[in-house]
Amino acid sequence: MFGLSNSIRVFLAVEPVDLRKSFNGLHGVVLDRLKEDPCSGALYVFTNRRRNRIKTLYWDGTGMWVAIKRLEQGCFTWPQGVGESGKLALAPEALALLLDGVDLKQGLFKPW
């Protein structure tokens, strides 16, 4: 994955999102569902129902970035049940582990 600063804030949308959404649709999800400012400089991470894809939304100060990762096999282990906020704050290092197949709750590597 591209390099992330250790100071960047990362928020996971816990509930699945329709990943046909792009800039404007994900911007709306951040505002309406996560109750965050999409232009705050935080990285927002979304997954689909099958959890085999993730999409990120990031404002770098001059424009929005959207990036997507699709697994060829297997699925991401996505955190569940974090209350009514619908989001989970993660350290950038924890996001890197999640994207590499580590189950954050159990601390186990899950081969795809």
PDB file of N, CA and C in Angstrom:
ATOM      1  N   MET A   1       0.841  -1.176   0.000  1.00  0.00           N
ATOM      2  CA  MET A   1       0.000   0.000   0.000  1.00  0.00           C
ATOM      3  C   MET A   1       0.881   1.233   0.000  1.00  0.00           C
ATOM      4  N   PHE A   2       0.336   2.353  -0.446  1.00  0.00           N
ATOM      5  CA  PHE A   2       1.090   3.592  -0.446  1.00  0.00           C
ATOM      6  C   PHE A   2       1.390   4.007   0.990  1.00  0.00           C
ATOM      7  N   GLY A   3       2.467   4.769   1.172  1.00  0.00           N
ATOM      8  CA  GLY A   3       2.894   5.147   2.513  1.00  0.00           C
ATOM      9  C   GLY A   3       1.949   6.127   3.183  1.00  0.00           C
ATOM     10  N   LEU A   4       1.699   5.900   4.452  1.00  0.00           N
ATOM     11  CA  LEU A   4       0.860   6.789   5.242  1.00  0.00           C
ATOM     12  C   LEU A   4       1.683   7.347   6.389  1.00  0.00           C
ATOM     13  N   SER A   5       1.489   8.606   6.673  1.00  0.00           N
ATOM     14  CA  SER A   5       2.123   9.234   7.819  1.00  0.00           C
ATOM     15  C   SER A   5       1.551   8.630   9.095  1.00  0.00           C
ATOM     16  N   ASN A   6       2.391   8.492  10.110  1.00  0.00           N
ATOM     17  CA  ASN A   6       1.908   7.965  11.387  1.00  0.00           C
ATOM     18  C   ASN A   6       0.955   8.929  12.079  1.00  0.00           C
ATOM     19  N   SER A   7       0.928  10.182  11.626  1.00  0.00           N
ATOM     20  CA  SER A   7       0.055  11.168  12.264  1.00  0.00           C
ATOM     21  C   SER A   7      -1.337  11.233  11.626  1.00  0.00           C
ATOM     22  N   ILE A   8      -1.547  10.505  10.536  1.00  0.00           N
ATOM     23  CA  ILE A   8      -2.846  10.557   9.854  1.00  0.00           C
ATOM     24  C   ILE A   8      -3.901   9.813  10.674  1.00  0.00           C
ATOM     25  N   ARG A   9      -5.099  10.370  10.701  1.00  0.00           N
ATOM     26  CA  ARG A   9      -6.215   9.699  11.372  1.00  0.00           C
ATOM     27  C   ARG A   9      -6.899   8.780  10.364  1.00  0.00           C
ATOM     28  N   VAL A  10      -7.248   7.582  10.808  1.00  0.00           N
ATOM     29  CA  VAL A  10      -7.881   6.585   9.945  1.00  0.00           C
ATOM     30  C   VAL A  10      -9.203   6.177  10.579  1.00  0.00           C
ATOM     31  N   PHE A  11     -10.268   6.206   9.780  1.00  0.00           N
ATOM     32  CA  PHE A  11     -11.586   5.780  10.242  1.00  0.00           C
ATOM     33  C   PHE A  11     -12.115   4.697   9.318  1.00  0.00           C
ATOM     34  N   LEU A  12     -12.534   3.570   9.903  1.00  0.00           N
ATOM     35  CA  LEU A  12     -13.182   2.493   9.153  1.00  0.00           C
ATOM     36  C   LEU A  12     -14.687   2.629   9.289  1.00  0.00           C
ATOM     37  N   ALA A  13     -15.392   2.556   8.185  1.00  0.00           N
ATOM     38  CA  ALA A  13     -16.848   2.444   8.220  1.00  0.00           C
ATOM     39  C   ALA A  13     -17.146   0.979   8.510  1.00  0.00           C
ATOM     40  N   VAL A  14     -17.756   0.705   9.635  1.00  0.00           N
ATOM     41  CA  VAL A  14     -17.952  -0.679  10.065  1.00  0.00           C
ATOM     42  C   VAL A  14     -18.973  -1.405   9.195  1.00  0.00           C
ATOM     43  N   GLU A  15     -20.037  -0.729   8.814  1.00  0.00           N
ATOM     44  CA  GLU A  15     -21.063  -1.345   7.972  1.00  0.00           C
ATOM     45  C   GLU A  15     -20.640  -1.304   6.504  1.00  0.00           C
ATOM     46  N   PRO A  16     -21.008  -2.320   5.732  1.00  0.00           N
ATOM     47  CA  PRO A  16     -20.660  -2.334   4.302  1.00  0.00           C
ATOM     48  C   PRO A  16     -21.250  -1.141   3.554  1.00  0.00           C
ATOM     49  N   VAL A  17     -20.557  -0.758   2.494  1.00  0.00           N
ATOM     50  CA  VAL A  17     -20.968   0.365   1.645  1.00  0.00           C
ATOM     51  C   VAL A  17     -21.017  -0.135   0.207  1.00  0.00           C
ATOM     52  N   ASP A  18     -21.933   0.391  -0.564  1.00  0.00           N
ATOM     53  CA  ASP A  18     -22.001   0.087  -1.994  1.00  0.00           C
ATOM     54  C   ASP A  18     -20.778   0.723  -2.656  1.00  0.00           C
ATOM     55  N   LEU A  19     -19.830  -0.103  -3.062  1.00  0.00           N
ATOM     56  CA  LEU A  19     -18.572   0.422  -3.595  1.00  0.00           C
ATOM     57  C   LEU A  19     -18.676   0.894  -5.035  1.00  0.00           C
ATOM     58  N   ARG A  20     -19.882   0.931  -5.579  1.00  0.00           N
ATOM     59  CA  ARG A  20     -20.059   1.626  -6.853  1.00  0.00           C
ATOM     60  C   ARG A  20     -19.984   3.131  -6.631  1.00  0.00           C
ATOM     61  N   LYS A  21     -20.090   3.543  -5.371  1.00  0.00           N
ATOM     62  CA  LYS A  21     -19.960   4.960  -5.041  1.00  0.00           C
ATOM     63  C   LYS A  21     -18.525   5.404  -5.306  1.00  0.00           C
ATOM     64  N   SER A  22     -18.384   6.633  -5.743  1.00  0.00           N
ATOM     65  CA  SER A  22     -17.055   7.198  -5.956  1.00  0.00           C
ATOM     66  C   SER A  22     -16.916   8.450  -5.095  1.00  0.00           C
ATOM     67  N   PHE A  23     -16.281   9.479  -5.614  1.00  0.00           N
ATOM     68  CA  PHE A  23     -15.980  10.667  -4.822  1.00  0.00           C
ATOM     69  C   PHE A  23     -17.202  11.228  -4.095  1.00  0.00           C
ATOM     70  N   ASN A  24     -18.222  11.604  -4.845  1.00  0.00           N
ATOM     71  CA  ASN A  24     -19.389  12.256  -4.244  1.00  0.00           C
ATOM     72  C   ASN A  24     -20.173  11.319  -3.332  1.00  0.00           C
ATOM     73  N   GLY A  25     -20.342  10.070  -3.740  1.00  0.00           N
ATOM     74  CA  GLY A  25     -21.087   9.115  -2.927  1.00  0.00           C
ATOM     75  C   GLY A  25     -20.397   8.808  -1.610  1.00  0.00           C
ATOM     76  N   LEU A  26     -19.081   8.588  -1.652  1.00  0.00           N
ATOM     77  CA  LEU A  26     -18.336   8.313  -0.424  1.00  0.00           C
ATOM     78  C   LEU A  26     -18.268   9.557   0.457  1.00  0.00           C
ATOM     79  N   HIS A  27     -18.155  10.724  -0.170  1.00  0.00           N
ATOM     80  CA  HIS A  27     -18.189  11.996   0.560  1.00  0.00           C
ATOM     81  C   HIS A  27     -19.484  12.074   1.364  1.00  0.00           C
ATOM     82  N   GLY A  28     -20.601  11.705   0.751  1.00  0.00           N
ATOM     83  CA  GLY A  28     -21.890  11.694   1.431  1.00  0.00           C
ATOM     84  C   GLY A  28     -21.953  10.692   2.566  1.00  0.00           C
ATOM     85  N   VAL A  29     -21.356   9.520   2.381  1.00  0.00           N
ATOM     86  CA  VAL A  29     -21.330   8.506   3.445  1.00  0.00           C
ATOM     87  C   VAL A  29     -20.564   9.043   4.649  1.00  0.00           C
ATOM     88  N   VAL A  30     -19.436   9.692   4.399  1.00  0.00           N
ATOM     89  CA  VAL A  30     -18.641  10.247   5.500  1.00  0.00           C
ATOM     90  C   VAL A  30     -19.452  11.301   6.259  1.00  0.00           C
ATOM     91  N   LEU A  31     -20.120  12.178   5.536  1.00  0.00           N
ATOM     92  CA  LEU A  31     -20.924  13.227   6.180  1.00  0.00           C
ATOM     93  C   LEU A  31     -22.128  12.655   6.922  1.00  0.00           C
ATOM     94  N   ASP A  32     -22.922  11.837   6.242  1.00  0.00           N
ATOM     95  CA  ASP A  32     -24.208  11.388   6.779  1.00  0.00           C
ATOM     96  C   ASP A  32     -24.101  10.237   7.766  1.00  0.00           C
ATOM     97  N   ARG A  33     -23.314   9.234   7.430  1.00  0.00           N
ATOM     98  CA  ARG A  33     -23.267   8.033   8.258  1.00  0.00           C
ATOM     99  C   ARG A  33     -22.190   8.115   9.342  1.00  0.00           C
ATOM    100  N   LEU A  34     -21.010   8.621   8.964  1.00  0.00           N
ATOM    101  CA  LEU A  34     -19.905   8.661   9.923  1.00  0.00           C
ATOM    102  C   LEU A  34     -19.864   9.954  10.727  1.00  0.00           C
ATOM    103  N   LYS A  35     -20.611  10.962  10.287  1.00  0.00           N
ATOM    104  CA  LYS A  35     -20.657  12.263  10.967  1.00  0.00           C
ATOM    105  C   LYS A  35     -19.267  12.886  11.096  1.00  0.00           C
ATOM    106  N   GLU A  36     -18.521  12.819  10.011  1.00  0.00           N
ATOM    107  CA  GLU A  36     -17.173  13.385   9.961  1.00  0.00           C
ATOM    108  C   GLU A  36     -17.085  14.360   8.802  1.00  0.00           C
ATOM    109  N   ASP A  37     -16.031  15.173   8.794  1.00  0.00           N
ATOM    110  CA  ASP A  37     -15.760  16.104   7.702  1.00  0.00           C
ATOM    111  C   ASP A  37     -14.815  15.425   6.719  1.00  0.00           C
ATOM    112  N   PRO A  38     -15.254  15.127   5.508  1.00  0.00           N
ATOM    113  CA  PRO A  38     -14.403  14.437   4.536  1.00  0.00           C
ATOM    114  C   PRO A  38     -13.147  15.226   4.158  1.00  0.00           C
ATOM    115  N   CYS A  39     -13.157  16.531   4.397  1.00  0.00           N
ATOM    116  CA  CYS A  39     -12.010  17.376   4.042  1.00  0.00           C
ATOM    117  C   CYS A  39     -11.116  17.656   5.244  1.00  0.00           C
ATOM    118  N   SER A  40     -11.179  16.804   6.259  1.00  0.00           N
ATOM    119  CA  SER A  40     -10.398  17.005   7.482  1.00  0.00           C
ATOM    120  C   SER A  40      -8.968  16.502   7.363  1.00  0.00           C
ATOM    121  N   GLY A  41      -8.673  15.748   6.305  1.00  0.00           N
ATOM    122  CA  GLY A  41      -7.339  15.171   6.165  1.00  0.00           C
ATOM    123  C   GLY A  41      -7.241  13.758   6.708  1.00  0.00           C
ATOM    124  N   ALA A  42      -8.352  13.215   7.194  1.00  0.00           N
ATOM    125  CA  ALA A  42      -8.367  11.827   7.668  1.00  0.00           C
ATOM    126  C   ALA A  42      -8.571  10.896   6.476  1.00  0.00           C
ATOM    127  N   LEU A  43      -8.188   9.643   6.651  1.00  0.00           N
ATOM    128  CA  LEU A  43      -8.387   8.605   5.641  1.00  0.00           C
ATOM    129  C   LEU A  43      -9.607   7.791   6.056  1.00  0.00           C
ATOM    130  N   TYR A  44     -10.554   7.651   5.155  1.00  0.00           N
ATOM    131  CA  TYR A  44     -11.783   6.901   5.416  1.00  0.00           C
ATOM    132  C   TYR A  44     -11.745   5.615   4.608  1.00  0.00           C
ATOM    133  N   VAL A  45     -12.040   4.494   5.275  1.00  0.00           N
ATOM    134  CA  VAL A  45     -11.910   3.175   4.660  1.00  0.00           C
ATOM    135  C   VAL A  45     -13.271   2.483   4.684  1.00  0.00           C
ATOM    136  N   PHE A  46     -13.652   1.924   3.538  1.00  0.00           N
ATOM    137  CA  PHE A  46     -14.956   1.285   3.365  1.00  0.00           C
ATOM    138  C   PHE A  46     -14.757  -0.114   2.793  1.00  0.00           C
ATOM    139  N   THR A  47     -15.704  -1.009   3.071  1.00  0.00           N
ATOM    140  CA  THR A  47     -15.687  -2.337   2.466  1.00  0.00           C
ATOM    141  C   THR A  47     -17.069  -2.649   1.896  1.00  0.00           C
ATOM    142  N   ASN A  48     -17.114  -3.679   1.045  1.00  0.00           N
ATOM    143  CA  ASN A  48     -18.390  -4.134   0.486  1.00  0.00           C
ATOM    144  C   ASN A  48     -18.950  -5.272   1.342  1.00  0.00           C
ATOM    145  N   ARG A  49     -20.127  -5.774   0.991  1.00  0.00           N
ATOM    146  CA  ARG A  49     -20.766  -6.838   1.778  1.00  0.00           C
ATOM    147  C   ARG A  49     -19.938  -8.122   1.813  1.00  0.00           C
ATOM    148  N   ARG A  50     -19.318  -8.464   0.704  1.00  0.00           N
ATOM    149  CA  ARG A  50     -18.525  -9.701   0.654  1.00  0.00           C
ATOM    150  C   ARG A  50     -17.157  -9.535   1.302  1.00  0.00           C
ATOM    151  N   ARG A  51     -16.802  -8.312   1.619  1.00  0.00           N
ATOM    152  CA  ARG A  51     -15.533  -7.979   2.273  1.00  0.00           C
ATOM    153  C   ARG A  51     -14.314  -8.427   1.465  1.00  0.00           C
ATOM    154  N   ASN A  52     -14.459  -8.436   0.150  1.00  0.00           N
ATOM    155  CA  ASN A  52     -13.311  -8.772  -0.693  1.00  0.00           C
ATOM    156  C   ASN A  52     -12.734  -7.530  -1.379  1.00  0.00           C
ATOM    157  N   ARG A  53     -13.312  -6.367  -1.082  1.00  0.00           N
ATOM    158  CA  ARG A  53     -12.814  -5.106  -1.634  1.00  0.00           C
ATOM    159  C   ARG A  53     -12.847  -4.039  -0.553  1.00  0.00           C
ATOM    160  N   ILE A  54     -11.908  -3.128  -0.650  1.00  0.00           N
ATOM    161  CA  ILE A  54     -11.946  -1.936   0.192  1.00  0.00           C
ATOM    162  C   ILE A  54     -11.752  -0.728  -0.706  1.00  0.00           C
ATOM    163  N   LYS A  55     -12.303   0.371  -0.262  1.00  0.00           N
ATOM    164  CA  LYS A  55     -12.134   1.637  -0.969  1.00  0.00           C
ATOM    165  C   LYS A  55     -11.798   2.684   0.074  1.00  0.00           C
ATOM    166  N   THR A  56     -10.889   3.588  -0.269  1.00  0.00           N
ATOM    167  CA  THR A  56     -10.511   4.651   0.653  1.00  0.00           C
ATOM    168  C   THR A  56     -10.820   6.009   0.046  1.00  0.00           C
ATOM    169  N   LEU A  57     -11.098   6.962   0.907  1.00  0.00           N
ATOM    170  CA  LEU A  57     -11.332   8.353   0.518  1.00  0.00           C
ATOM    171  C   LEU A  57     -10.407   9.213   1.366  1.00  0.00           C
ATOM    172  N   TYR A  58      -9.672  10.110   0.713  1.00  0.00           N
ATOM    173  CA  TYR A  58      -8.691  10.934   1.426  1.00  0.00           C
ATOM    174  C   TYR A  58      -8.589  12.302   0.771  1.00  0.00           C
ATOM    175  N   TRP A  59      -8.624  13.350   1.570  1.00  0.00           N
ATOM    176  CA  TRP A  59      -8.432  14.727   1.121  1.00  0.00           C
ATOM    177  C   TRP A  59      -6.996  15.114   1.452  1.00  0.00           C
ATOM    178  N   ASP A  60      -6.195  15.465   0.430  1.00  0.00           N
ATOM    179  CA  ASP A  60      -4.786  15.800   0.663  1.00  0.00           C
ATOM    180  C   ASP A  60      -4.525  17.301   0.769  1.00  0.00           C
ATOM    181  N   GLY A  61      -5.584  18.086   0.801  1.00  0.00           N
ATOM    182  CA  GLY A  61      -5.436  19.529   0.892  1.00  0.00           C
ATOM    183  C   GLY A  61      -5.670  20.228  -0.432  1.00  0.00           C
ATOM    184  N   THR A  62      -5.516  19.482  -1.530  1.00  0.00           N
ATOM    185  CA  THR A  62      -5.748  20.072  -2.852  1.00  0.00           C
ATOM    186  C   THR A  62      -6.825  19.331  -3.632  1.00  0.00           C
ATOM    187  N   GLY A  63      -7.179  18.145  -3.186  1.00  0.00           N
ATOM    188  CA  GLY A  63      -8.188  17.356  -3.885  1.00  0.00           C
ATOM    189  C   GLY A  63      -8.430  16.035  -3.184  1.00  0.00           C
ATOM    190  N   MET A  64      -9.450  15.328  -3.654  1.00  0.00           N
ATOM    191  CA  MET A  64      -9.828  14.031  -3.092  1.00  0.00           C
ATOM    192  C   MET A  64      -9.114  12.901  -3.818  1.00  0.00           C
ATOM    193  N   TRP A  65      -8.709  11.918  -3.052  1.00  0.00           N
ATOM    194  CA  TRP A  65      -8.165  10.670  -3.573  1.00  0.00           C
ATOM    195  C   TRP A  65      -9.168   9.558  -3.284  1.00  0.00           C
ATOM    196  N   VAL A  66      -9.359   8.676  -4.254  1.00  0.00           N
ATOM    197  CA  VAL A  66     -10.102   7.438  -4.040  1.00  0.00           C
ATOM    198  C   VAL A  66      -9.198   6.306  -4.507  1.00  0.00           C
ATOM    199  N   ALA A  67      -9.005   5.321  -3.639  1.00  0.00           N
ATOM    200  CA  ALA A  67      -8.199   4.151  -3.999  1.00  0.00           C
ATOM    201  C   ALA A  67      -9.005   2.907  -3.653  1.00  0.00           C
ATOM    202  N   ILE A  68      -8.792   1.834  -4.416  1.00  0.00           N
ATOM    203  CA  ILE A  68      -9.530   0.592  -4.187  1.00  0.00           C
ATOM    204  C   ILE A  68      -8.557  -0.588  -4.212  1.00  0.00           C
ATOM    205  N   LYS A  69      -8.849  -1.580  -3.382  1.00  0.00           N
ATOM    206  CA  LYS A  69      -8.095  -2.838  -3.397  1.00  0.00           C
ATOM    207  C   LYS A  69      -9.099  -3.966  -3.505  1.00  0.00           C
ATOM    208  N   ARG A  70      -8.846  -4.877  -4.454  1.00  0.00           N
ATOM    209  CA  ARG A  70      -9.702  -6.048  -4.639  1.00  0.00           C
ATOM    210  C   ARG A  70      -8.859  -7.291  -4.398  1.00  0.00           C
ATOM    211  N   LEU A  71      -9.325  -8.157  -3.513  1.00  0.00           N
ATOM    212  CA  LEU A  71      -8.635  -9.422  -3.275  1.00  0.00           C
ATOM    213  C   LEU A  71      -9.006 -10.409  -4.369  1.00  0.00           C
ATOM    214  N   GLU A  72      -8.046 -11.158  -4.829  1.00  0.00           N
ATOM    215  CA  GLU A  72      -8.308 -12.195  -5.824  1.00  0.00           C
ATOM    216  C   GLU A  72      -8.956 -13.417  -5.189  1.00  0.00           C
ATOM    217  N   GLN A  73      -8.685 -13.635  -3.903  1.00  0.00           N
ATOM    218  CA  GLN A  73      -9.339 -14.717  -3.163  1.00  0.00           C
ATOM    219  C   GLN A  73      -9.402 -14.323  -1.693  1.00  0.00           C
ATOM    220  N   GLY A  74     -10.324 -14.905  -0.960  1.00  0.00           N
ATOM    221  CA  GLY A  74     -10.464 -14.606   0.457  1.00  0.00           C
ATOM    222  C   GLY A  74     -11.205 -13.309   0.712  1.00  0.00           C
ATOM    223  N   CYS A  75     -11.193 -12.889   1.981  1.00  0.00           N
ATOM    224  CA  CYS A  75     -11.871 -11.649   2.354  1.00  0.00           C
ATOM    225  C   CYS A  75     -11.145 -11.003   3.531  1.00  0.00           C
ATOM    226  N   PHE A  76     -11.392  -9.720   3.696  1.00  0.00           N
ATOM    227  CA  PHE A  76     -10.826  -8.979   4.816  1.00  0.00           C
ATOM    228  C   PHE A  76     -11.582  -9.339   6.087  1.00  0.00           C
ATOM    229  N   THR A  77     -10.877  -9.401   7.210  1.00  0.00           N
ATOM    230  CA  THR A  77     -11.512  -9.574   8.507  1.00  0.00           C
ATOM    231  C   THR A  77     -11.840  -8.182   9.008  1.00  0.00           C
ATOM    232  N   TRP A  78     -13.114  -7.847   9.011  1.00  0.00           N
ATOM    233  CA  TRP A  78     -13.548  -6.474   9.292  1.00  0.00           C
ATOM    234  C   TRP A  78     -14.085  -6.385  10.707  1.00  0.00           C
ATOM    235  N   PRO A  79     -13.706  -5.375  11.468  1.00  0.00           N
ATOM    236  CA  PRO A  79     -14.232  -5.209  12.836  1.00  0.00           C
ATOM    237  C   PRO A  79     -15.754  -5.084  12.841  1.00  0.00           C
ATOM    238  N   GLN A  80     -16.378  -5.597  13.887  1.00  0.00           N
ATOM    239  CA  GLN A  80     -17.841  -5.582  14.016  1.00  0.00           C
ATOM    240  C   GLN A  80     -18.245  -4.901  15.317  1.00  0.00           C
ATOM    241  N   GLY A  81     -19.468  -4.411  15.359  1.00  0.00           N
ATOM    242  CA  GLY A  81     -20.110  -3.944  16.581  1.00  0.00           C
ATOM    243  C   GLY A  81     -19.339  -2.947  17.413  1.00  0.00           C
ATOM    244  N   VAL A  82     -19.187  -1.732  16.923  1.00  0.00           N
ATOM    245  CA  VAL A  82     -18.449  -0.719  17.679  1.00  0.00           C
ATOM    246  C   VAL A  82     -19.372   0.380  18.195  1.00  0.00           C
ATOM    247  N   GLY A  83     -20.625   0.080  18.358  1.00  0.00           N
ATOM    248  CA  GLY A  83     -21.563   1.079  18.861  1.00  0.00           C
ATOM    249  C   GLY A  83     -22.318   1.761  17.741  1.00  0.00           C
ATOM    250  N   GLU A  84     -22.951   2.864  18.092  1.00  0.00           N
ATOM    251  CA  GLU A  84     -23.826   3.540  17.143  1.00  0.00           C
ATOM    252  C   GLU A  84     -23.102   4.501  16.213  1.00  0.00           C
ATOM    253  N   SER A  85     -21.836   4.765  16.450  1.00  0.00           N
ATOM    254  CA  SER A  85     -21.123   5.735  15.610  1.00  0.00           C
ATOM    255  C   SER A  85     -20.930   5.224  14.189  1.00  0.00           C
ATOM    256  N   GLY A  86     -20.900   3.905  14.009  1.00  0.00           N
ATOM    257  CA  GLY A  86     -20.716   3.335  12.676  1.00  0.00           C
ATOM    258  C   GLY A  86     -19.300   3.403  12.165  1.00  0.00           C
ATOM    259  N   LYS A  87     -18.380   3.855  13.020  1.00  0.00           N
ATOM    260  CA  LYS A  87     -16.989   3.979  12.588  1.00  0.00           C
ATOM    261  C   LYS A  87     -16.063   3.492  13.685  1.00  0.00           C
ATOM    262  N   LEU A  88     -14.861   3.179  13.282  1.00  0.00           N
ATOM    263  CA  LEU A  88     -13.827   2.737  14.199  1.00  0.00           C
ATOM    264  C   LEU A  88     -12.554   3.485  13.851  1.00  0.00           C
ATOM    265  N   ALA A  89     -11.958   4.147  14.829  1.00  0.00           N
ATOM    266  CA  ALA A  89     -10.688   4.840  14.611  1.00  0.00           C
ATOM    267  C   ALA A  89      -9.556   3.823  14.729  1.00  0.00           C
ATOM    268  N   LEU A  90      -8.634   3.868  13.777  1.00  0.00           N
ATOM    269  CA  LEU A  90      -7.491   2.951  13.761  1.00  0.00           C
ATOM    270  C   LEU A  90      -6.198   3.731  13.626  1.00  0.00           C
ATOM    271  N   ALA A  91      -5.128   3.171  14.154  1.00  0.00           N
ATOM    272  CA  ALA A  91      -3.792   3.701  13.879  1.00  0.00           C
ATOM    273  C   ALA A  91      -3.413   3.269  12.462  1.00  0.00           C
ATOM    274  N   PRO A  92      -2.605   4.055  11.764  1.00  0.00           N
ATOM    275  CA  PRO A  92      -2.184   3.656  10.414  1.00  0.00           C
ATOM    276  C   PRO A  92      -1.525   2.276  10.381  1.00  0.00           C
ATOM    277  N   GLU A  93      -0.804   1.932  11.445  1.00  0.00           N
ATOM    278  CA  GLU A  93      -0.164   0.611  11.509  1.00  0.00           C
ATOM    279  C   GLU A  93      -1.205  -0.500  11.572  1.00  0.00           C
ATOM    280  N   ALA A  94      -2.289  -0.268  12.303  1.00  0.00           N
ATOM    281  CA  ALA A  94      -3.365  -1.264  12.394  1.00  0.00           C
ATOM    282  C   ALA A  94      -4.052  -1.435  11.046  1.00  0.00           C
ATOM    283  N   LEU A  95      -4.218  -0.340  10.304  1.00  0.00           N
ATOM    284  CA  LEU A  95      -4.799  -0.443   8.962  1.00  0.00           C
ATOM    285  C   LEU A  95      -3.905  -1.287   8.062  1.00  0.00           C
ATOM    286  N   ALA A  96      -2.599  -1.072   8.136  1.00  0.00           N
ATOM    287  CA  ALA A  96      -1.670  -1.856   7.319  1.00  0.00           C
ATOM    288  C   ALA A  96      -1.789  -3.343   7.648  1.00  0.00           C
ATOM    289  N   LEU A  97      -1.913  -3.681   8.923  1.00  0.00           N
ATOM    290  CA  LEU A  97      -2.082  -5.084   9.322  1.00  0.00           C
ATOM    291  C   LEU A  97      -3.385  -5.651   8.774  1.00  0.00           C
ATOM    292  N   LEU A  98      -4.472  -4.893   8.903  1.00  0.00           N
ATOM    293  CA  LEU A  98      -5.770  -5.344   8.406  1.00  0.00           C
ATOM    294  C   LEU A  98      -5.710  -5.606   6.904  1.00  0.00           C
ATOM    295  N   LEU A  99      -5.061  -4.715   6.159  1.00  0.00           N
ATOM    296  CA  LEU A  99      -4.965  -4.872   4.709  1.00  0.00           C
ATOM    297  C   LEU A  99      -4.058  -6.031   4.310  1.00  0.00           C
ATOM    298  N   ASP A 100      -3.175  -6.439   5.217  1.00  0.00           N
ATOM    299  CA  ASP A 100      -2.287  -7.572   4.945  1.00  0.00           C
ATOM    300  C   ASP A 100      -2.870  -8.905   5.405  1.00  0.00           C
ATOM    301  N   GLY A 101      -4.092  -8.890   5.963  1.00  0.00           N
ATOM    302  CA  GLY A 101      -4.748 -10.141   6.315  1.00  0.00           C
ATOM    303  C   GLY A 101      -4.700 -10.511   7.776  1.00  0.00           C
ATOM    304  N   VAL A 102      -4.352  -9.586   8.650  1.00  0.00           N
ATOM    305  CA  VAL A 102      -4.307  -9.882  10.077  1.00  0.00           C
ATOM    306  C   VAL A 102      -5.672  -9.585  10.694  1.00  0.00           C
ATOM    307  N   ASP A 103      -6.173 -10.537  11.474  1.00  0.00           N
ATOM    308  CA  ASP A 103      -7.408 -10.337  12.224  1.00  0.00           C
ATOM    309  C   ASP A 103      -7.042  -9.506  13.448  1.00  0.00           C
ATOM    310  N   LEU A 104      -7.466  -8.259  13.493  1.00  0.00           N
ATOM    311  CA  LEU A 104      -7.056  -7.350  14.561  1.00  0.00           C
ATOM    312  C   LEU A 104      -7.561  -7.788  15.927  1.00  0.00           C
ATOM    313  N   LYS A 105      -8.702  -8.428  15.985  1.00  0.00           N
ATOM    314  CA  LYS A 105      -9.269  -8.847  17.269  1.00  0.00           C
ATOM    315  C   LYS A 105      -8.463  -9.987  17.885  1.00  0.00           C
ATOM    316  N   GLN A 106      -8.047 -10.939  17.058  1.00  0.00           N
ATOM    317  CA  GLN A 106      -7.332 -12.107  17.559  1.00  0.00           C
ATOM    318  C   GLN A 106      -5.827 -12.007  17.366  1.00  0.00           C
ATOM    319  N   GLY A 107      -5.388 -11.058  16.554  1.00  0.00           N
ATOM    320  CA  GLY A 107      -3.962 -10.903  16.306  1.00  0.00           C
ATOM    321  C   GLY A 107      -3.375 -12.025  15.471  1.00  0.00           C
ATOM    322  N   LEU A 108      -4.193 -12.672  14.663  1.00  0.00           N
ATOM    323  CA  LEU A 108      -3.744 -13.804  13.860  1.00  0.00           C
ATOM    324  C   LEU A 108      -3.699 -13.439  12.390  1.00  0.00           C
ATOM    325  N   PHE A 109      -2.669 -13.926  11.713  1.00  0.00           N
ATOM    326  CA  PHE A 109      -2.582 -13.760  10.268  1.00  0.00           C
ATOM    327  C   PHE A 109      -3.494 -14.785   9.624  1.00  0.00           C
ATOM    328  N   LYS A 110      -4.324 -14.324   8.714  1.00  0.00           N
ATOM    329  CA  LYS A 110      -5.258 -15.211   8.023  1.00  0.00           C
ATOM    330  C   LYS A 110      -4.831 -15.306   6.566  1.00  0.00           C
ATOM    331  N   PRO A 111      -4.268 -16.426   6.150  1.00  0.00           N
ATOM    332  CA  PRO A 111      -3.888 -16.526   4.739  1.00  0.00           C
ATOM    333  C   PRO A 111      -5.117 -16.435   3.852  1.00  0.00           C
ATOM    334  N   TRP A 112      -4.988 -15.733   2.771  1.00  0.00           N
ATOM    335  CA  TRP A 112      -6.117 -15.541   1.869  1.00  0.00           C
ATOM    336  C   TRP A 112      -6.512 -16.884   1.330  1.00  0.00           C
TER     337      TRP A 112
END
